[in-house]
């Protein structure tokens, strides 16, 4: 089972060391422990945290392998931000995690400290975060908001040249259409490596219409 999980991680994320795989496995156990006290994820998804959350997050690493400056909005339970931080232990890079909920921010900080991750928690509302975040190359968000609001929240960094990688479900096309009424952008759609109905949307070249 452990070997299958390791191979599944490499299949979606690229080269991952055994040490990082073991660390992610320990993180999974810590996540479940903390989730008993803090609502970090929907209970319906907890039967398969490895696939539903960790692998789903890890696939982003393969979409921007050369990026070293990342920003995750609404990091919550650490998906995808903390997972990406684990993967950055095998490659260069850092990620800022924006989370306004104090309990969730405390969880993120605890995991960063325990696993010595190349990450920083910005315990602020997303709207207030630009003053505290260096310009990233990649902006991520998962299960945070509909695409029109996501683009609006990420626009300070996207307008300055960052690229977004946003997880979306099967109804994403309507959200893209609504977003395009206000914004002009380049869009690449990647089928999710984990969720048969999911996609990852790559948004770049943002400008206001």
N, C-alpha and C. Protein backbone atom coordinates (compact mmCIF):
# COMPACT_ATOMS: atom_id res chain seq x y z
N UNK A 1 0.83 -1.21 0.00
CA UNK A 1 0.00 0.00 0.00
C UNK A 1 0.86 1.25 0.00
N UNK A 2 1.91 1.25 0.83
CA UNK A 2 2.79 2.41 0.90
C UNK A 2 3.46 2.65 -0.45
N UNK A 3 3.92 1.57 -1.10
CA UNK A 3 4.57 1.72 -2.40
C UNK A 3 3.59 2.25 -3.44
N UNK A 4 2.36 1.80 -3.40
CA UNK A 4 1.34 2.29 -4.34
C UNK A 4 1.11 3.78 -4.15
N UNK A 5 1.06 4.22 -2.90
CA UNK A 5 0.85 5.63 -2.62
C UNK A 5 2.03 6.46 -3.10
N UNK A 6 3.23 5.95 -2.90
CA UNK A 6 4.44 6.65 -3.35
C UNK A 6 4.44 6.80 -4.87
N UNK A 7 4.13 5.73 -5.58
CA UNK A 7 4.09 5.78 -7.04
C UNK A 7 2.99 6.71 -7.54
N UNK A 8 1.85 6.73 -6.84
CA UNK A 8 0.76 7.62 -7.22
C UNK A 8 1.17 9.08 -7.06
N UNK A 9 1.92 9.37 -6.01
CA UNK A 9 2.39 10.73 -5.79
C UNK A 9 3.36 11.15 -6.89
N UNK A 10 4.28 10.29 -7.24
CA UNK A 10 5.22 10.60 -8.30
C UNK A 10 4.52 10.75 -9.65
N UNK A 11 3.47 9.98 -9.85
CA UNK A 11 2.75 10.04 -11.12
C UNK A 11 2.11 11.40 -11.36
N UNK A 12 1.65 12.04 -10.30
CA UNK A 12 0.97 13.33 -10.47
C UNK A 12 1.89 14.52 -10.27
N UNK A 13 2.95 14.37 -9.44
CA UNK A 13 3.78 15.51 -9.06
C UNK A 13 5.15 15.53 -9.71
N UNK A 14 5.58 14.41 -10.28
CA UNK A 14 6.94 14.32 -10.79
C UNK A 14 7.84 13.68 -9.75
N UNK A 15 9.13 13.95 -9.86
CA UNK A 15 10.11 13.32 -8.96
C UNK A 15 9.89 13.80 -7.52
N UNK A 16 9.72 12.84 -6.62
CA UNK A 16 9.54 13.11 -5.19
C UNK A 16 10.42 12.14 -4.42
N UNK A 17 11.16 12.66 -3.44
CA UNK A 17 12.04 11.80 -2.65
C UNK A 17 11.23 10.94 -1.68
N UNK A 18 11.84 9.85 -1.25
CA UNK A 18 11.22 9.00 -0.23
C UNK A 18 11.00 9.79 1.06
N UNK A 19 11.96 10.65 1.39
CA UNK A 19 11.86 11.44 2.62
C UNK A 19 10.64 12.35 2.58
N UNK A 20 10.41 12.99 1.44
CA UNK A 20 9.24 13.87 1.32
C UNK A 20 7.95 13.07 1.35
N UNK A 21 7.95 11.92 0.72
CA UNK A 21 6.77 11.05 0.76
C UNK A 21 6.44 10.66 2.21
N UNK A 22 7.46 10.27 2.97
CA UNK A 22 7.23 9.89 4.36
C UNK A 22 6.72 11.09 5.17
N UNK A 23 7.27 12.27 4.89
CA UNK A 23 6.82 13.46 5.60
C UNK A 23 5.36 13.76 5.29
N UNK A 24 4.97 13.62 4.04
CA UNK A 24 3.57 13.84 3.66
C UNK A 24 2.66 12.82 4.33
N UNK A 25 3.13 11.60 4.48
CA UNK A 25 2.34 10.58 5.16
C UNK A 25 2.13 10.95 6.62
N UNK A 26 3.17 11.48 7.26
CA UNK A 26 3.03 11.93 8.65
C UNK A 26 2.11 13.15 8.73
N UNK A 27 2.21 14.03 7.74
CA UNK A 27 1.32 15.19 7.70
C UNK A 27 -0.14 14.75 7.60
N UNK A 28 -0.41 13.73 6.80
CA UNK A 28 -1.77 13.23 6.66
C UNK A 28 -2.33 12.82 8.02
N UNK A 29 -1.52 12.15 8.83
CA UNK A 29 -1.95 11.73 10.16
C UNK A 29 -2.19 12.94 11.06
N UNK A 30 -1.32 13.93 10.97
CA UNK A 30 -1.49 15.15 11.76
C UNK A 30 -2.73 15.92 11.34
N UNK A 31 -2.97 15.98 10.06
CA UNK A 31 -4.16 16.65 9.55
C UNK A 31 -5.43 16.02 10.14
N UNK A 32 -5.50 14.69 10.13
CA UNK A 32 -6.68 14.01 10.65
C UNK A 32 -6.84 14.25 12.15
N UNK A 33 -5.71 14.31 12.87
CA UNK A 33 -5.76 14.58 14.30
C UNK A 33 -6.29 15.99 14.57
N UNK A 34 -5.74 16.97 13.87
CA UNK A 34 -6.19 18.36 14.04
C UNK A 34 -7.64 18.53 13.60
N UNK A 35 -8.05 17.79 12.59
CA UNK A 35 -9.40 17.95 12.06
C UNK A 35 -10.47 17.54 13.07
N UNK A 36 -10.09 16.76 14.07
CA UNK A 36 -11.04 16.39 15.11
C UNK A 36 -11.39 17.60 15.99
N UNK A 37 -10.48 18.58 16.02
CA UNK A 37 -10.70 19.77 16.85
C UNK A 37 -11.07 21.00 16.02
N UNK A 38 -10.55 21.06 14.80
CA UNK A 38 -10.81 22.19 13.91
C UNK A 38 -11.36 21.64 12.60
N UNK A 39 -12.41 22.24 12.11
CA UNK A 39 -12.99 21.77 10.85
C UNK A 39 -12.12 22.22 9.68
N UNK A 40 -11.21 21.34 9.25
CA UNK A 40 -10.27 21.66 8.19
C UNK A 40 -10.74 21.21 6.81
N UNK A 41 -11.61 20.20 6.78
CA UNK A 41 -12.11 19.68 5.51
C UNK A 41 -13.45 19.01 5.74
N UNK A 42 -14.24 18.91 4.68
CA UNK A 42 -15.56 18.28 4.78
C UNK A 42 -15.41 16.82 5.21
N UNK A 43 -16.25 16.40 6.14
CA UNK A 43 -16.17 15.04 6.66
C UNK A 43 -16.33 13.99 5.58
N UNK A 44 -17.08 14.32 4.52
CA UNK A 44 -17.31 13.36 3.44
C UNK A 44 -16.04 13.06 2.65
N UNK A 45 -15.00 13.87 2.81
CA UNK A 45 -13.76 13.67 2.04
C UNK A 45 -12.66 13.03 2.87
N UNK A 46 -12.93 12.73 4.14
CA UNK A 46 -11.87 12.29 5.04
C UNK A 46 -11.53 10.81 4.92
N UNK A 47 -12.34 10.04 4.20
CA UNK A 47 -12.05 8.62 4.06
C UNK A 47 -10.87 8.38 3.13
N UNK A 48 -10.53 9.37 2.31
CA UNK A 48 -9.40 9.22 1.39
C UNK A 48 -8.67 10.55 1.25
N UNK A 49 -8.07 10.99 2.34
CA UNK A 49 -7.35 12.26 2.34
C UNK A 49 -6.20 12.23 1.33
N UNK A 50 -5.54 11.08 1.23
CA UNK A 50 -4.36 10.99 0.35
C UNK A 50 -4.72 11.35 -1.09
N UNK A 51 -5.76 10.76 -1.62
CA UNK A 51 -6.14 11.03 -3.01
C UNK A 51 -6.93 12.31 -3.15
N UNK A 52 -7.97 12.47 -2.34
CA UNK A 52 -8.89 13.60 -2.49
C UNK A 52 -8.22 14.94 -2.24
N UNK A 53 -7.24 14.98 -1.36
CA UNK A 53 -6.63 16.26 -0.98
C UNK A 53 -5.15 16.35 -1.32
N UNK A 54 -4.37 15.35 -0.92
CA UNK A 54 -2.91 15.45 -1.10
C UNK A 54 -2.53 15.29 -2.57
N UNK A 55 -2.97 14.22 -3.21
CA UNK A 55 -2.64 14.05 -4.63
C UNK A 55 -3.26 15.13 -5.49
N UNK A 56 -4.49 15.52 -5.16
CA UNK A 56 -5.17 16.56 -5.93
C UNK A 56 -4.38 17.87 -5.86
N UNK A 57 -3.78 18.15 -4.71
CA UNK A 57 -2.96 19.35 -4.54
C UNK A 57 -1.61 19.20 -5.24
N UNK A 58 -1.02 18.02 -5.10
CA UNK A 58 0.34 17.79 -5.60
C UNK A 58 0.45 17.91 -7.11
N UNK A 59 -0.64 17.70 -7.83
CA UNK A 59 -0.56 17.75 -9.29
C UNK A 59 -0.15 19.13 -9.80
N UNK A 60 -0.36 20.17 -9.00
CA UNK A 60 0.01 21.51 -9.45
C UNK A 60 1.52 21.65 -9.63
N UNK A 61 2.30 20.91 -8.86
CA UNK A 61 3.75 21.01 -8.95
C UNK A 61 4.26 20.67 -10.34
N UNK A 62 3.58 19.73 -11.01
CA UNK A 62 4.00 19.31 -12.34
C UNK A 62 3.61 20.32 -13.41
N UNK A 63 2.69 21.23 -13.10
CA UNK A 63 2.23 22.21 -14.09
C UNK A 63 3.12 23.45 -14.14
N UNK A 64 3.92 23.67 -13.11
CA UNK A 64 4.83 24.83 -13.08
C UNK A 64 6.13 24.41 -12.43
N UNK A 65 6.87 23.48 -13.03
CA UNK A 65 8.04 22.90 -12.37
C UNK A 65 9.18 23.89 -12.13
N UNK A 66 9.22 24.98 -12.92
CA UNK A 66 10.30 25.93 -12.77
C UNK A 66 10.00 27.08 -11.83
N UNK A 67 8.77 27.17 -11.33
CA UNK A 67 8.38 28.29 -10.48
C UNK A 67 8.98 28.13 -9.08
N UNK A 68 9.45 29.24 -8.53
CA UNK A 68 10.04 29.21 -7.20
C UNK A 68 9.33 30.13 -6.20
N UNK A 69 8.44 31.00 -6.69
CA UNK A 69 7.70 31.91 -5.81
C UNK A 69 6.21 31.65 -5.99
N UNK A 70 5.58 31.10 -4.94
CA UNK A 70 4.18 30.70 -5.00
C UNK A 70 3.38 31.44 -3.94
N UNK A 71 2.09 31.56 -4.21
CA UNK A 71 1.15 32.17 -3.27
C UNK A 71 -0.14 31.35 -3.29
N UNK A 72 -0.60 30.94 -2.10
CA UNK A 72 -1.84 30.17 -1.99
C UNK A 72 -2.86 30.99 -1.22
N UNK A 73 -4.02 31.18 -1.81
CA UNK A 73 -5.07 32.01 -1.22
C UNK A 73 -6.10 31.15 -0.50
N UNK A 74 -6.45 31.54 0.72
CA UNK A 74 -7.44 30.77 1.49
C UNK A 74 -6.96 29.37 1.78
N UNK A 75 -5.78 29.25 2.38
CA UNK A 75 -5.09 27.96 2.49
C UNK A 75 -5.83 26.94 3.35
N UNK A 76 -6.61 27.40 4.34
CA UNK A 76 -7.44 26.48 5.11
C UNK A 76 -6.67 25.34 5.74
N UNK A 77 -6.98 24.11 5.35
CA UNK A 77 -6.32 22.92 5.87
C UNK A 77 -5.00 22.59 5.21
N UNK A 78 -4.55 23.48 4.31
CA UNK A 78 -3.23 23.27 3.69
C UNK A 78 -3.26 22.73 2.28
N UNK A 79 -4.42 22.76 1.65
CA UNK A 79 -4.55 22.24 0.28
C UNK A 79 -4.90 23.35 -0.69
N UNK A 80 -4.07 23.64 -1.67
CA UNK A 80 -2.84 22.91 -2.00
C UNK A 80 -1.57 23.44 -1.35
N UNK A 81 -1.65 24.56 -0.61
CA UNK A 81 -0.44 25.27 -0.20
C UNK A 81 0.57 24.46 0.58
N UNK A 82 0.14 23.79 1.66
CA UNK A 82 1.09 23.01 2.46
C UNK A 82 1.68 21.85 1.68
N UNK A 83 0.85 21.19 0.88
CA UNK A 83 1.35 20.07 0.08
C UNK A 83 2.44 20.55 -0.88
N UNK A 84 2.22 21.70 -1.51
CA UNK A 84 3.25 22.25 -2.40
C UNK A 84 4.51 22.58 -1.62
N UNK A 85 4.36 23.06 -0.39
CA UNK A 85 5.53 23.37 0.44
C UNK A 85 6.35 22.11 0.71
N UNK A 86 5.67 20.99 0.98
CA UNK A 86 6.38 19.73 1.16
C UNK A 86 7.18 19.38 -0.10
N UNK A 87 6.57 19.51 -1.25
CA UNK A 87 7.23 19.15 -2.50
C UNK A 87 8.40 20.08 -2.80
N UNK A 88 8.35 21.30 -2.30
CA UNK A 88 9.45 22.24 -2.52
C UNK A 88 10.69 21.88 -1.72
N UNK A 89 10.58 20.94 -0.81
CA UNK A 89 11.76 20.47 -0.08
C UNK A 89 12.69 19.71 -1.02
N UNK A 90 12.15 19.19 -2.12
CA UNK A 90 12.97 18.46 -3.11
C UNK A 90 13.43 19.36 -4.25
N UNK A 91 12.99 20.59 -4.24
CA UNK A 91 13.35 21.54 -5.30
C UNK A 91 13.37 22.92 -4.67
N UNK A 92 13.88 23.89 -5.35
CA UNK A 92 13.92 25.23 -4.77
C UNK A 92 12.53 25.85 -4.83
N UNK A 93 12.27 26.78 -3.91
CA UNK A 93 10.99 27.47 -3.94
C UNK A 93 10.46 27.76 -2.55
N UNK A 94 9.55 28.74 -2.47
CA UNK A 94 8.87 29.11 -1.25
C UNK A 94 7.42 29.45 -1.58
N UNK A 95 6.57 29.34 -0.57
CA UNK A 95 5.16 29.64 -0.79
C UNK A 95 4.61 30.42 0.40
N UNK A 96 3.82 31.44 0.11
CA UNK A 96 3.09 32.19 1.13
C UNK A 96 1.67 31.65 1.20
N UNK A 97 1.19 31.42 2.42
CA UNK A 97 -0.15 30.88 2.64
C UNK A 97 -1.01 31.95 3.29
N UNK A 98 -2.04 32.41 2.60
CA UNK A 98 -2.91 33.45 3.13
C UNK A 98 -4.14 32.80 3.73
N UNK A 99 -4.33 33.00 5.03
CA UNK A 99 -5.47 32.41 5.74
C UNK A 99 -5.87 33.33 6.89
N UNK A 100 -7.10 33.82 6.85
CA UNK A 100 -7.56 34.79 7.86
C UNK A 100 -8.11 34.12 9.11
N UNK A 101 -8.56 32.87 9.01
CA UNK A 101 -9.10 32.17 10.17
C UNK A 101 -7.96 31.84 11.14
N UNK A 102 -8.07 32.31 12.37
CA UNK A 102 -6.95 32.18 13.30
C UNK A 102 -6.61 30.73 13.64
N UNK A 103 -7.63 29.91 13.81
CA UNK A 103 -7.37 28.51 14.15
C UNK A 103 -6.70 27.77 12.98
N UNK A 104 -7.17 28.03 11.78
CA UNK A 104 -6.56 27.39 10.62
C UNK A 104 -5.15 27.92 10.38
N UNK A 105 -4.96 29.22 10.60
CA UNK A 105 -3.62 29.79 10.47
C UNK A 105 -2.67 29.17 11.49
N UNK A 106 -3.17 28.90 12.70
CA UNK A 106 -2.35 28.26 13.72
C UNK A 106 -1.96 26.84 13.30
N UNK A 107 -2.91 26.12 12.69
CA UNK A 107 -2.60 24.78 12.17
C UNK A 107 -1.51 24.85 11.11
N UNK A 108 -1.66 25.77 10.17
CA UNK A 108 -0.66 25.91 9.10
C UNK A 108 0.72 26.21 9.69
N UNK A 109 0.76 27.13 10.65
CA UNK A 109 2.03 27.50 11.27
C UNK A 109 2.64 26.32 12.01
N UNK A 110 1.82 25.55 12.69
CA UNK A 110 2.31 24.37 13.41
C UNK A 110 2.93 23.35 12.46
N UNK A 111 2.29 23.13 11.31
CA UNK A 111 2.82 22.17 10.34
C UNK A 111 4.12 22.67 9.71
N UNK A 112 4.19 23.97 9.45
CA UNK A 112 5.42 24.54 8.89
C UNK A 112 6.58 24.34 9.86
N UNK A 113 6.31 24.57 11.15
CA UNK A 113 7.34 24.40 12.15
C UNK A 113 7.73 22.95 12.35
N UNK A 114 6.74 22.06 12.42
CA UNK A 114 7.02 20.65 12.68
C UNK A 114 7.83 20.01 11.56
N UNK A 115 7.51 20.37 10.31
CA UNK A 115 8.15 19.73 9.17
C UNK A 115 9.20 20.61 8.50
N UNK A 116 9.48 21.77 9.08
CA UNK A 116 10.50 22.67 8.55
C UNK A 116 10.26 22.97 7.07
N UNK A 117 9.09 23.48 6.78
CA UNK A 117 8.68 23.72 5.39
C UNK A 117 9.06 25.12 4.91
N UNK A 118 9.36 25.26 3.62
CA UNK A 118 9.69 26.57 3.05
C UNK A 118 8.42 27.37 2.77
N UNK A 119 7.75 27.77 3.82
CA UNK A 119 6.46 28.44 3.69
C UNK A 119 6.31 29.48 4.79
N UNK A 120 5.38 30.40 4.57
CA UNK A 120 5.10 31.46 5.54
C UNK A 120 3.60 31.69 5.57
N UNK A 121 3.04 31.86 6.76
CA UNK A 121 1.61 32.12 6.91
C UNK A 121 1.38 33.63 6.97
N UNK A 122 0.47 34.10 6.13
CA UNK A 122 0.01 35.48 6.16
C UNK A 122 -1.39 35.45 6.74
N UNK A 123 -1.51 35.75 8.03
CA UNK A 123 -2.81 35.64 8.72
C UNK A 123 -3.61 36.93 8.51
N UNK A 124 -4.03 37.12 7.29
CA UNK A 124 -4.77 38.32 6.88
C UNK A 124 -5.90 37.93 5.93
N UNK A 125 -6.83 38.84 5.77
CA UNK A 125 -7.83 38.68 4.71
C UNK A 125 -7.11 38.81 3.37
N UNK A 126 -7.60 38.10 2.38
CA UNK A 126 -6.95 38.13 1.07
C UNK A 126 -6.88 39.55 0.51
N UNK A 127 -7.94 40.31 0.75
CA UNK A 127 -7.97 41.69 0.23
C UNK A 127 -6.86 42.54 0.83
N UNK A 128 -6.40 42.20 2.03
CA UNK A 128 -5.36 42.97 2.71
C UNK A 128 -3.96 42.41 2.49
N UNK A 129 -3.87 41.25 1.85
CA UNK A 129 -2.59 40.53 1.75
C UNK A 129 -1.56 41.16 0.82
N UNK A 130 -1.94 41.87 -0.26
CA UNK A 130 -0.92 42.38 -1.17
C UNK A 130 0.19 43.18 -0.50
N UNK A 131 -0.11 43.88 0.57
CA UNK A 131 0.90 44.68 1.25
C UNK A 131 1.92 43.82 1.99
N UNK A 132 1.61 42.53 2.18
CA UNK A 132 2.47 41.67 2.99
C UNK A 132 3.11 40.54 2.18
N UNK A 133 2.83 40.50 0.88
CA UNK A 133 3.27 39.39 0.04
C UNK A 133 4.14 39.91 -1.09
N UNK A 134 5.30 39.28 -1.28
CA UNK A 134 6.12 39.60 -2.45
C UNK A 134 5.44 39.05 -3.70
N UNK A 135 5.68 39.68 -4.83
CA UNK A 135 5.05 39.25 -6.07
C UNK A 135 5.41 37.79 -6.39
N UNK A 136 4.40 36.92 -6.52
CA UNK A 136 4.67 35.52 -6.84
C UNK A 136 4.69 35.28 -8.35
N UNK A 137 5.17 34.10 -8.72
CA UNK A 137 5.05 33.65 -10.11
C UNK A 137 3.73 32.90 -10.31
N UNK A 138 3.33 32.14 -9.30
CA UNK A 138 2.12 31.32 -9.38
C UNK A 138 1.21 31.62 -8.20
N UNK A 139 -0.09 31.79 -8.49
CA UNK A 139 -1.11 31.96 -7.46
C UNK A 139 -2.05 30.76 -7.52
N UNK A 140 -2.30 30.14 -6.37
CA UNK A 140 -3.19 28.98 -6.33
C UNK A 140 -4.36 29.23 -5.39
N UNK A 141 -5.41 28.47 -5.59
CA UNK A 141 -6.57 28.47 -4.69
C UNK A 141 -7.38 27.22 -5.00
N UNK A 142 -7.95 26.64 -3.95
CA UNK A 142 -8.72 25.40 -4.10
C UNK A 142 -9.93 25.47 -3.19
N UNK A 143 -11.10 25.22 -3.78
CA UNK A 143 -12.36 25.21 -3.02
C UNK A 143 -12.55 26.49 -2.24
N UNK A 144 -12.24 27.61 -2.86
CA UNK A 144 -12.32 28.89 -2.16
C UNK A 144 -13.52 29.72 -2.59
N UNK A 145 -13.73 29.86 -3.90
CA UNK A 145 -14.81 30.73 -4.39
C UNK A 145 -15.05 30.44 -5.86
N UNK A 146 -16.16 30.97 -6.38
CA UNK A 146 -16.42 30.89 -7.82
C UNK A 146 -15.34 31.67 -8.56
N UNK A 147 -15.09 31.29 -9.80
CA UNK A 147 -13.99 31.88 -10.56
C UNK A 147 -14.04 33.40 -10.68
N UNK A 148 -15.20 34.03 -10.91
CA UNK A 148 -15.19 35.49 -11.00
C UNK A 148 -14.63 36.16 -9.74
N UNK A 149 -14.99 35.63 -8.56
CA UNK A 149 -14.46 36.19 -7.33
C UNK A 149 -12.99 35.81 -7.15
N UNK A 150 -12.61 34.60 -7.54
CA UNK A 150 -11.22 34.19 -7.44
C UNK A 150 -10.31 35.12 -8.25
N UNK A 151 -10.72 35.40 -9.47
CA UNK A 151 -9.91 36.27 -10.32
C UNK A 151 -9.82 37.66 -9.70
N UNK A 152 -10.94 38.15 -9.16
CA UNK A 152 -10.94 39.45 -8.50
C UNK A 152 -9.97 39.46 -7.32
N UNK A 153 -10.01 38.43 -6.48
CA UNK A 153 -9.14 38.36 -5.32
C UNK A 153 -7.66 38.27 -5.71
N UNK A 154 -7.39 37.54 -6.78
CA UNK A 154 -6.01 37.33 -7.21
C UNK A 154 -5.50 38.42 -8.14
N UNK A 155 -6.38 39.32 -8.56
CA UNK A 155 -6.02 40.30 -9.59
C UNK A 155 -4.82 41.19 -9.24
N UNK A 156 -4.58 41.56 -7.96
CA UNK A 156 -3.38 42.38 -7.71
C UNK A 156 -2.09 41.71 -8.18
N UNK A 157 -2.03 40.40 -8.08
CA UNK A 157 -0.82 39.68 -8.49
C UNK A 157 -0.88 39.26 -9.96
N UNK A 158 -2.07 38.90 -10.44
CA UNK A 158 -2.21 38.49 -11.83
C UNK A 158 -1.96 39.67 -12.78
N UNK A 159 -2.45 40.84 -12.41
CA UNK A 159 -2.24 42.03 -13.24
C UNK A 159 -0.76 42.41 -13.30
N UNK A 160 -0.01 41.99 -12.28
CA UNK A 160 1.43 42.28 -12.24
C UNK A 160 2.26 41.18 -12.91
N UNK A 161 1.58 40.18 -13.49
CA UNK A 161 2.29 39.19 -14.28
C UNK A 161 2.28 37.77 -13.77
N UNK A 162 1.67 37.52 -12.62
CA UNK A 162 1.61 36.15 -12.09
C UNK A 162 0.64 35.30 -12.91
N UNK A 163 0.81 34.01 -12.82
CA UNK A 163 -0.08 33.04 -13.44
C UNK A 163 -0.87 32.32 -12.36
N UNK A 164 -2.16 32.10 -12.60
CA UNK A 164 -3.00 31.40 -11.64
C UNK A 164 -3.16 29.93 -12.02
N UNK A 165 -3.20 29.07 -11.01
CA UNK A 165 -3.57 27.67 -11.18
C UNK A 165 -4.71 27.40 -10.19
N UNK A 166 -5.92 27.32 -10.72
CA UNK A 166 -7.11 27.19 -9.88
C UNK A 166 -7.79 25.83 -10.11
N UNK A 167 -8.02 25.10 -9.04
CA UNK A 167 -8.83 23.87 -9.13
C UNK A 167 -10.29 24.25 -9.36
N UNK A 168 -10.94 23.52 -10.26
CA UNK A 168 -12.36 23.75 -10.51
C UNK A 168 -13.06 22.43 -10.80
N UNK A 169 -14.40 22.43 -10.58
CA UNK A 169 -15.21 21.26 -10.85
C UNK A 169 -15.82 21.28 -12.23
N UNK A 170 -16.81 20.42 -12.43
CA UNK A 170 -17.34 20.20 -13.77
C UNK A 170 -18.11 21.39 -14.34
N UNK A 171 -18.58 22.29 -13.49
CA UNK A 171 -19.37 23.43 -13.97
C UNK A 171 -18.51 24.67 -14.23
N UNK A 172 -17.25 24.46 -14.46
CA UNK A 172 -16.32 25.60 -14.56
C UNK A 172 -16.56 26.47 -15.78
N UNK A 173 -17.14 25.92 -16.85
CA UNK A 173 -17.27 26.70 -18.10
C UNK A 173 -18.15 27.94 -17.91
N UNK A 174 -19.21 27.79 -17.13
CA UNK A 174 -20.08 28.95 -16.87
C UNK A 174 -19.32 30.01 -16.08
N UNK A 175 -18.46 29.58 -15.17
CA UNK A 175 -17.66 30.52 -14.39
C UNK A 175 -16.64 31.24 -15.27
N UNK A 176 -16.06 30.51 -16.21
CA UNK A 176 -15.11 31.13 -17.15
C UNK A 176 -15.82 32.19 -17.99
N UNK A 177 -17.02 31.86 -18.46
CA UNK A 177 -17.79 32.79 -19.29
C UNK A 177 -18.11 34.06 -18.50
N UNK A 178 -18.53 33.89 -17.26
CA UNK A 178 -18.84 35.07 -16.44
C UNK A 178 -17.59 35.91 -16.18
N UNK A 179 -16.48 35.25 -15.92
CA UNK A 179 -15.23 35.97 -15.66
C UNK A 179 -14.77 36.77 -16.87
N UNK A 180 -14.98 36.21 -18.06
CA UNK A 180 -14.50 36.85 -19.28
C UNK A 180 -15.30 38.09 -19.65
N UNK A 181 -16.42 38.31 -18.97
CA UNK A 181 -17.18 39.53 -19.23
C UNK A 181 -16.50 40.75 -18.62
N UNK A 182 -15.69 40.54 -17.59
CA UNK A 182 -14.98 41.66 -16.96
C UNK A 182 -13.49 41.67 -17.30
N UNK A 183 -12.93 40.47 -17.46
CA UNK A 183 -11.49 40.36 -17.63
C UNK A 183 -11.14 39.72 -18.98
N UNK A 184 -9.99 40.10 -19.49
CA UNK A 184 -9.39 39.43 -20.64
C UNK A 184 -8.22 38.61 -20.11
N UNK A 185 -8.09 37.35 -20.54
CA UNK A 185 -6.99 36.51 -20.05
C UNK A 185 -6.76 35.33 -20.98
N UNK A 186 -5.58 34.77 -20.88
CA UNK A 186 -5.25 33.54 -21.59
C UNK A 186 -5.61 32.37 -20.68
N UNK A 187 -6.22 31.36 -21.25
CA UNK A 187 -6.71 30.22 -20.46
C UNK A 187 -6.22 28.91 -21.03
N UNK A 188 -5.68 28.07 -20.16
CA UNK A 188 -5.33 26.70 -20.50
C UNK A 188 -6.06 25.79 -19.53
N UNK A 189 -6.73 24.79 -20.04
CA UNK A 189 -7.49 23.86 -19.21
C UNK A 189 -6.74 22.53 -19.12
N UNK A 190 -6.46 22.09 -17.91
CA UNK A 190 -5.83 20.79 -17.68
C UNK A 190 -6.83 19.87 -17.01
N UNK A 191 -7.03 18.69 -17.58
CA UNK A 191 -7.86 17.70 -16.90
C UNK A 191 -7.17 17.26 -15.62
N UNK A 192 -7.91 17.17 -14.55
CA UNK A 192 -7.34 16.75 -13.28
C UNK A 192 -6.77 15.35 -13.39
N UNK A 193 -5.61 15.15 -12.77
CA UNK A 193 -4.99 13.83 -12.72
C UNK A 193 -5.64 12.94 -11.67
N UNK A 194 -6.51 13.53 -10.85
CA UNK A 194 -7.07 12.81 -9.70
C UNK A 194 -8.59 12.71 -9.77
N UNK A 195 -9.24 13.82 -10.09
CA UNK A 195 -10.70 13.90 -10.10
C UNK A 195 -11.21 13.82 -11.54
N UNK A 196 -11.96 12.77 -11.90
CA UNK A 196 -12.43 12.61 -13.29
C UNK A 196 -13.27 13.79 -13.77
N UNK A 197 -13.92 14.50 -12.86
CA UNK A 197 -14.76 15.62 -13.25
C UNK A 197 -14.09 16.97 -13.02
N UNK A 198 -12.87 16.96 -12.53
CA UNK A 198 -12.19 18.20 -12.18
C UNK A 198 -11.23 18.69 -13.25
N UNK A 199 -10.90 19.97 -13.16
CA UNK A 199 -9.91 20.57 -14.03
C UNK A 199 -9.03 21.49 -13.20
N UNK A 200 -7.88 21.83 -13.76
CA UNK A 200 -7.07 22.92 -13.23
C UNK A 200 -7.00 23.97 -14.33
N UNK A 201 -7.41 25.18 -13.99
CA UNK A 201 -7.40 26.28 -14.95
C UNK A 201 -6.14 27.12 -14.76
N UNK A 202 -5.41 27.27 -15.86
CA UNK A 202 -4.23 28.14 -15.86
C UNK A 202 -4.63 29.47 -16.49
N UNK A 203 -4.54 30.53 -15.72
CA UNK A 203 -4.95 31.86 -16.17
C UNK A 203 -3.74 32.79 -16.14
N UNK A 204 -3.47 33.42 -17.28
CA UNK A 204 -2.33 34.34 -17.36
C UNK A 204 -2.71 35.51 -18.26
N UNK A 205 -1.82 36.49 -18.31
CA UNK A 205 -2.05 37.66 -19.17
C UNK A 205 -3.31 38.41 -18.82
N UNK A 206 -3.63 38.54 -17.54
CA UNK A 206 -4.88 39.19 -17.12
C UNK A 206 -4.84 40.68 -17.39
N UNK A 207 -5.95 41.17 -17.90
CA UNK A 207 -6.16 42.62 -18.05
C UNK A 207 -7.64 42.90 -17.95
N UNK A 208 -7.98 44.10 -17.50
CA UNK A 208 -9.39 44.48 -17.38
C UNK A 208 -9.95 44.82 -18.75
N UNK A 209 -11.21 44.46 -18.99
CA UNK A 209 -11.85 44.79 -20.25
C UNK A 209 -12.32 46.24 -20.23
